[in-house]
Amino acid sequence: MTDALWCSMETARRARDVAWLERVRRTYGSEPVLQYFQTPLIADNALGKTIDEVGGGAAA
């Protein structure tokens, strides 16, 4: 599965709804395990900068 970056926990949970969970069960034959992490800073090597919020604020 892919990782995703969400702007809020509510948005992340909405994205992983009952239909998504069932699709994972059918596709992989096992119960999905979800882990949520708070990410205070993102290093974007492609852009050559760090981001301190999901909205894109550049860190000093």
N, C-alpha and C. Protein backbone atom coordinates (compact mmCIF):
# COMPACT_ATOMS: atom_id res chain seq x y z
N MET A 1 0.85 -1.18 0.00
CA MET A 1 0.00 0.00 0.00
C MET A 1 0.89 1.24 0.00
N THR A 2 0.29 2.32 -0.34
CA THR A 2 1.04 3.56 -0.38
C THR A 2 0.84 4.36 0.88
N ASP A 3 1.78 5.20 1.16
CA ASP A 3 1.67 6.13 2.27
C ASP A 3 0.94 7.36 1.76
N ALA A 4 0.30 8.06 2.65
CA ALA A 4 -0.40 9.28 2.28
C ALA A 4 -0.18 10.32 3.35
N LEU A 5 -0.23 11.57 2.94
CA LEU A 5 -0.09 12.69 3.85
C LEU A 5 -1.41 13.45 3.87
N TRP A 6 -2.05 13.49 5.01
CA TRP A 6 -3.34 14.15 5.15
C TRP A 6 -3.19 15.38 6.02
N CYS A 7 -4.05 16.37 5.80
CA CYS A 7 -3.95 17.62 6.57
C CYS A 7 -4.61 17.52 7.93
N SER A 8 -5.39 16.47 8.18
CA SER A 8 -5.99 16.28 9.50
C SER A 8 -6.28 14.81 9.72
N MET A 9 -6.42 14.43 10.97
CA MET A 9 -6.75 13.05 11.31
C MET A 9 -8.13 12.70 10.78
N GLU A 10 -9.05 13.63 10.83
CA GLU A 10 -10.40 13.41 10.32
C GLU A 10 -10.37 13.06 8.83
N THR A 11 -9.59 13.80 8.06
CA THR A 11 -9.47 13.53 6.63
C THR A 11 -8.84 12.17 6.38
N ALA A 12 -7.84 11.82 7.16
CA ALA A 12 -7.19 10.51 7.01
C ALA A 12 -8.16 9.38 7.29
N ARG A 13 -8.94 9.52 8.33
CA ARG A 13 -9.89 8.46 8.68
C ARG A 13 -11.01 8.35 7.65
N ARG A 14 -11.45 9.49 7.11
CA ARG A 14 -12.49 9.45 6.07
C ARG A 14 -11.99 8.73 4.81
N ALA A 15 -10.71 8.88 4.50
CA ALA A 15 -10.15 8.25 3.31
C ALA A 15 -10.09 6.73 3.44
N ARG A 16 -10.00 6.25 4.65
CA ARG A 16 -9.93 4.81 4.91
C ARG A 16 -11.27 4.34 5.45
N ASP A 17 -12.29 4.47 4.62
CA ASP A 17 -13.65 4.14 5.04
C ASP A 17 -13.92 2.64 4.94
N VAL A 18 -15.16 2.25 5.22
CA VAL A 18 -15.55 0.84 5.22
C VAL A 18 -15.31 0.21 3.85
N ALA A 19 -15.62 0.93 2.78
CA ALA A 19 -15.41 0.39 1.43
C ALA A 19 -13.93 0.14 1.16
N TRP A 20 -13.07 1.05 1.59
CA TRP A 20 -11.63 0.89 1.40
C TRP A 20 -11.14 -0.33 2.17
N LEU A 21 -11.57 -0.45 3.44
CA LEU A 21 -11.15 -1.59 4.25
C LEU A 21 -11.58 -2.91 3.62
N GLU A 22 -12.81 -2.97 3.11
CA GLU A 22 -13.30 -4.20 2.47
C GLU A 22 -12.51 -4.52 1.21
N ARG A 23 -12.17 -3.50 0.43
CA ARG A 23 -11.37 -3.72 -0.79
C ARG A 23 -10.01 -4.30 -0.44
N VAL A 24 -9.40 -3.81 0.62
CA VAL A 24 -8.10 -4.34 1.05
C VAL A 24 -8.24 -5.80 1.49
N ARG A 25 -9.30 -6.10 2.24
CA ARG A 25 -9.54 -7.49 2.67
C ARG A 25 -9.67 -8.42 1.47
N ARG A 26 -10.48 -8.01 0.48
CA ARG A 26 -10.68 -8.86 -0.72
C ARG A 26 -9.40 -9.00 -1.52
N THR A 27 -8.69 -7.90 -1.70
CA THR A 27 -7.50 -7.91 -2.55
C THR A 27 -6.36 -8.71 -1.94
N TYR A 28 -6.11 -8.53 -0.64
CA TYR A 28 -4.94 -9.14 0.00
C TYR A 28 -5.28 -10.32 0.90
N GLY A 29 -6.56 -10.53 1.16
CA GLY A 29 -6.96 -11.69 1.96
C GLY A 29 -6.61 -11.60 3.43
N SER A 30 -6.40 -10.40 3.92
CA SER A 30 -6.09 -10.25 5.34
C SER A 30 -6.68 -8.94 5.86
N GLU A 31 -6.71 -8.84 7.17
CA GLU A 31 -7.26 -7.65 7.82
C GLU A 31 -6.23 -6.52 7.76
N PRO A 32 -6.60 -5.36 7.23
CA PRO A 32 -5.65 -4.24 7.18
C PRO A 32 -5.33 -3.70 8.57
N VAL A 33 -4.11 -3.26 8.74
CA VAL A 33 -3.67 -2.62 9.98
C VAL A 33 -3.28 -1.20 9.62
N LEU A 34 -3.95 -0.24 10.25
CA LEU A 34 -3.68 1.17 9.97
C LEU A 34 -2.83 1.76 11.07
N GLN A 35 -1.86 2.58 10.69
CA GLN A 35 -1.04 3.30 11.65
C GLN A 35 -1.05 4.77 11.24
N TYR A 36 -1.25 5.63 12.21
CA TYR A 36 -1.25 7.07 11.96
C TYR A 36 -0.08 7.68 12.71
N PHE A 37 0.62 8.60 12.05
CA PHE A 37 1.77 9.27 12.64
C PHE A 37 1.62 10.77 12.45
N GLN A 38 2.00 11.53 13.46
CA GLN A 38 2.07 12.98 13.31
C GLN A 38 3.45 13.31 12.78
N THR A 39 3.49 14.10 11.73
CA THR A 39 4.75 14.45 11.09
C THR A 39 4.99 15.95 11.23
N PRO A 40 5.88 16.36 12.13
CA PRO A 40 6.08 17.79 12.35
C PRO A 40 6.87 18.49 11.25
N LEU A 41 7.66 17.74 10.47
CA LEU A 41 8.50 18.34 9.45
C LEU A 41 8.73 17.34 8.34
N ILE A 42 8.66 17.80 7.10
CA ILE A 42 8.85 16.94 5.94
C ILE A 42 10.04 17.45 5.15
N ALA A 43 10.98 16.59 4.83
CA ALA A 43 12.10 16.95 3.97
C ALA A 43 11.73 16.56 2.55
N ASP A 44 11.53 17.55 1.69
CA ASP A 44 11.19 17.30 0.29
C ASP A 44 12.45 17.48 -0.55
N ASN A 45 13.11 16.37 -0.82
CA ASN A 45 14.37 16.42 -1.56
C ASN A 45 14.18 16.88 -3.00
N ALA A 46 13.04 16.56 -3.60
CA ALA A 46 12.78 16.98 -4.98
C ALA A 46 12.69 18.50 -5.08
N LEU A 47 12.09 19.13 -4.08
CA LEU A 47 11.97 20.59 -4.07
C LEU A 47 13.15 21.27 -3.41
N GLY A 48 13.94 20.49 -2.68
CA GLY A 48 15.10 21.04 -1.99
C GLY A 48 14.74 21.92 -0.81
N LYS A 49 13.65 21.57 -0.11
CA LYS A 49 13.25 22.36 1.05
C LYS A 49 12.56 21.47 2.08
N THR A 50 12.35 22.05 3.25
CA THR A 50 11.57 21.37 4.27
C THR A 50 10.22 22.06 4.39
N ILE A 51 9.24 21.29 4.78
CA ILE A 51 7.88 21.79 4.91
C ILE A 51 7.44 21.55 6.34
N ASP A 52 6.95 22.60 7.01
CA ASP A 52 6.58 22.44 8.42
C ASP A 52 5.09 22.26 8.63
N GLU A 53 4.31 22.19 7.58
CA GLU A 53 2.88 21.91 7.69
C GLU A 53 2.39 21.36 6.36
N VAL A 54 1.29 20.65 6.40
CA VAL A 54 0.77 20.02 5.19
C VAL A 54 0.40 21.06 4.14
N GLY A 55 0.00 22.23 4.58
CA GLY A 55 -0.36 23.29 3.65
C GLY A 55 0.81 23.82 2.84
N GLY A 56 2.03 23.44 3.20
CA GLY A 56 3.17 23.78 2.39
C GLY A 56 4.05 24.88 2.94
N GLY A 57 3.86 25.28 4.18
CA GLY A 57 4.69 26.34 4.75
C GLY A 57 6.15 25.90 4.85
N ALA A 58 7.03 26.65 4.25
CA ALA A 58 8.46 26.32 4.29
C ALA A 58 9.02 26.60 5.66
N ALA A 59 9.79 25.69 6.17
CA ALA A 59 10.43 25.86 7.48
C ALA A 59 11.67 26.74 7.32
N ALA A 60 11.98 27.46 8.37
CA ALA A 60 13.16 28.34 8.34
C ALA A 60 14.43 27.54 8.37
